[in-house]
């Protein structure tokens, strides 16, 4: 005979904002990588690359360097979101994610596999919007007061 144990609620630990930002940038990079990798299976893509063309661009060291620089920024945002001072991190996340919205949306231009690219780009745009939301709503510290004698009292201690 089995005894039923009462179900207990799982503890839902709060996730630090910096971890949320780093996770969102990491997810974005995985999507970028997988969309690019899976793109190799799109008919004609490999042939175009072998012919020295990517989308409308000639495949060259300049193109490859520009593409690397373009993808290095969100890659670096993973670590920068965790290590920069709060104010700098907030601004960096707002600026970089905002600049990458049109860059990401541009990737659908001229693509014949609209469902494939559409899904990838919509997911990437959702992550960028989430990053902007997290950075925009970055929690602020409560103001502190000073007691006689110069001792600092935080808002929680004042109540």
Protein backbone atom coordinates (compact mmCIF):
# COMPACT_ATOMS: atom_id res chain seq x y z
CA UNK A 1 0.00 0.00 0.00
CA UNK A 2 1.47 3.35 -0.98
CA UNK A 3 1.06 6.46 1.03
CA UNK A 4 0.40 9.72 -0.69
CA UNK A 5 2.73 12.51 0.27
CA UNK A 6 1.32 16.01 0.05
CA UNK A 7 2.65 17.91 -2.91
CA UNK A 8 4.86 20.76 -1.90
CA UNK A 9 5.35 23.86 -3.95
CA UNK A 10 8.72 24.25 -5.60
CA UNK A 11 10.79 27.13 -4.36
CA UNK A 12 11.01 29.83 -6.98
CA UNK A 13 14.33 31.54 -6.32
CA UNK A 14 14.61 35.08 -7.67
CA UNK A 15 17.02 35.30 -10.60
CA UNK A 16 19.46 38.22 -10.47
CA UNK A 17 18.97 40.72 -13.29
CA UNK A 18 22.54 40.35 -14.53
CA UNK A 19 22.00 36.60 -14.91
CA UNK A 20 18.79 37.22 -16.87
CA UNK A 21 20.64 39.60 -19.20
CA UNK A 22 23.56 37.20 -19.74
CA UNK A 23 21.11 34.33 -20.36
CA UNK A 24 19.17 36.39 -22.91
CA UNK A 25 22.37 37.37 -24.77
CA UNK A 26 23.50 33.73 -24.70
CA UNK A 27 20.16 32.55 -26.11
CA UNK A 28 20.39 35.21 -28.80
CA UNK A 29 23.85 34.01 -29.81
CA UNK A 30 22.66 30.39 -29.99
CA UNK A 31 19.81 31.47 -32.28
CA UNK A 32 22.19 33.49 -34.48
CA UNK A 33 24.52 30.50 -34.74
CA UNK A 34 21.82 27.91 -35.39
CA UNK A 35 20.04 30.00 -38.02
CA UNK A 36 23.37 30.50 -39.81
CA UNK A 37 24.32 26.82 -39.52
CA UNK A 38 20.91 25.55 -40.64
CA UNK A 39 21.03 28.04 -43.51
CA UNK A 40 23.72 25.86 -45.11
CA UNK A 41 20.95 23.34 -45.86
CA UNK A 42 19.00 25.93 -47.84
CA UNK A 43 19.29 25.03 -51.54
CA UNK A 44 21.94 27.10 -53.29
CA UNK A 45 23.61 28.50 -50.18
CA UNK A 46 26.74 26.36 -50.28
CA UNK A 47 27.08 26.90 -54.02
CA UNK A 48 26.87 30.67 -53.52
CA UNK A 49 29.53 30.53 -50.81
CA UNK A 50 31.78 28.43 -53.05
CA UNK A 51 31.24 31.04 -55.78
CA UNK A 52 32.37 33.73 -53.33
CA UNK A 53 29.02 35.33 -52.47
CA UNK A 54 27.00 35.66 -49.28
CA UNK A 55 23.57 37.22 -49.75
CA UNK A 56 24.42 40.24 -51.95
CA UNK A 57 28.00 40.59 -50.75
CA UNK A 58 31.29 39.34 -52.14
CA UNK A 59 32.91 36.90 -49.75
CA UNK A 60 36.17 38.57 -48.74
CA UNK A 61 38.34 39.22 -45.73
CA UNK A 62 36.52 42.55 -45.28
CA UNK A 63 33.12 40.85 -45.28
CA UNK A 64 34.27 38.13 -42.88
CA UNK A 65 35.88 40.67 -40.53
CA UNK A 66 32.72 42.81 -40.54
CA UNK A 67 30.55 39.74 -39.86
CA UNK A 68 32.84 38.69 -37.00
CA UNK A 69 32.75 42.19 -35.49
CA UNK A 70 28.96 42.26 -35.83
CA UNK A 71 28.63 38.99 -33.92
CA UNK A 72 31.41 39.75 -31.41
CA UNK A 73 29.40 42.56 -29.83
CA UNK A 74 26.46 40.44 -28.59
CA UNK A 75 28.95 37.72 -27.61
CA UNK A 76 30.82 40.22 -25.46
CA UNK A 77 27.53 41.48 -23.98
CA UNK A 78 27.23 38.13 -22.18
CA UNK A 79 30.27 38.86 -20.03
CA UNK A 80 29.83 42.64 -19.97
CA UNK A 81 26.28 42.27 -18.59
CA UNK A 82 27.76 40.38 -15.65
CA UNK A 83 30.86 42.50 -15.00
CA UNK A 84 30.27 46.16 -15.87
CA UNK A 85 29.08 48.52 -13.12
CA UNK A 86 25.27 48.64 -12.97
CA UNK A 87 24.81 52.04 -14.60
CA UNK A 88 27.23 51.27 -17.44
CA UNK A 89 25.76 47.80 -17.95
CA UNK A 90 22.25 49.22 -18.12
CA UNK A 91 23.20 51.78 -20.77
CA UNK A 92 25.28 49.24 -22.75
CA UNK A 93 22.39 46.75 -22.80
CA UNK A 94 19.89 49.42 -23.85
CA UNK A 95 22.12 50.79 -26.61
CA UNK A 96 23.41 47.50 -28.03
CA UNK A 97 20.03 45.73 -27.98
CA UNK A 98 18.36 48.79 -29.58
CA UNK A 99 21.00 48.91 -32.34
CA UNK A 100 20.63 45.19 -33.01
CA UNK A 101 16.84 45.40 -33.54
CA UNK A 102 17.16 46.77 -37.11
CA UNK A 103 20.28 44.66 -37.80
CA UNK A 104 18.32 41.53 -36.90
CA UNK A 105 15.21 42.57 -38.82
CA UNK A 106 17.35 43.24 -41.92
CA UNK A 107 18.31 39.56 -42.06
CA UNK A 108 14.90 38.60 -43.45
CA UNK A 109 15.31 40.86 -46.51
CA UNK A 110 15.52 38.88 -49.73
CA UNK A 111 15.21 35.47 -48.10
CA UNK A 112 13.11 32.86 -49.85
CA UNK A 113 12.63 30.64 -46.78
CA UNK A 114 10.34 33.08 -44.99
CA UNK A 115 9.06 30.62 -42.36
CA UNK A 116 12.56 29.52 -41.37
CA UNK A 117 14.06 33.00 -41.25
CA UNK A 118 10.85 34.53 -39.96
CA UNK A 119 10.76 32.23 -36.94
CA UNK A 120 14.46 32.75 -36.20
CA UNK A 121 14.21 36.52 -36.51
CA UNK A 122 11.00 36.78 -34.47
CA UNK A 123 12.64 34.80 -31.66
CA UNK A 124 15.76 36.98 -31.86
CA UNK A 125 13.65 40.16 -31.77
CA UNK A 126 11.74 38.87 -28.73
CA UNK A 127 15.04 38.28 -26.93
CA UNK A 128 16.29 41.76 -27.85
CA UNK A 129 13.03 43.28 -26.60
CA UNK A 130 13.38 41.30 -23.38
CA UNK A 131 16.95 42.60 -22.94
CA UNK A 132 15.71 46.16 -23.44
CA UNK A 133 12.90 45.61 -20.93
CA UNK A 134 15.26 44.12 -18.33
CA UNK A 135 17.73 46.98 -18.74
CA UNK A 136 15.02 49.66 -18.81
CA UNK A 137 13.43 48.39 -15.59
CA UNK A 138 16.77 47.83 -13.79
CA UNK A 139 15.97 47.97 -10.06
CA UNK A 140 17.18 51.02 -8.18
CA UNK A 141 18.63 51.02 -4.67
CA UNK A 142 16.56 52.60 -1.94
CA UNK A 143 17.75 56.04 -0.83
CA UNK A 144 19.64 56.16 2.42
CA UNK A 145 19.58 58.70 5.22
CA UNK A 146 22.23 59.78 7.69
CA UNK A 147 21.74 59.57 11.45
CA UNK A 148 23.35 61.97 13.88
CA UNK A 149 26.98 60.94 14.13
CA UNK A 150 27.30 60.28 10.37
CA UNK A 151 25.94 56.70 10.43
CA UNK A 152 24.20 55.68 7.19
CA UNK A 153 20.74 54.18 7.53
CA UNK A 154 19.18 52.32 4.59
CA UNK A 155 15.45 52.54 3.85
CA UNK A 156 14.76 49.10 5.39
CA UNK A 157 16.26 50.18 8.72
CA UNK A 158 14.25 53.41 8.78
CA UNK A 159 10.88 51.64 9.00
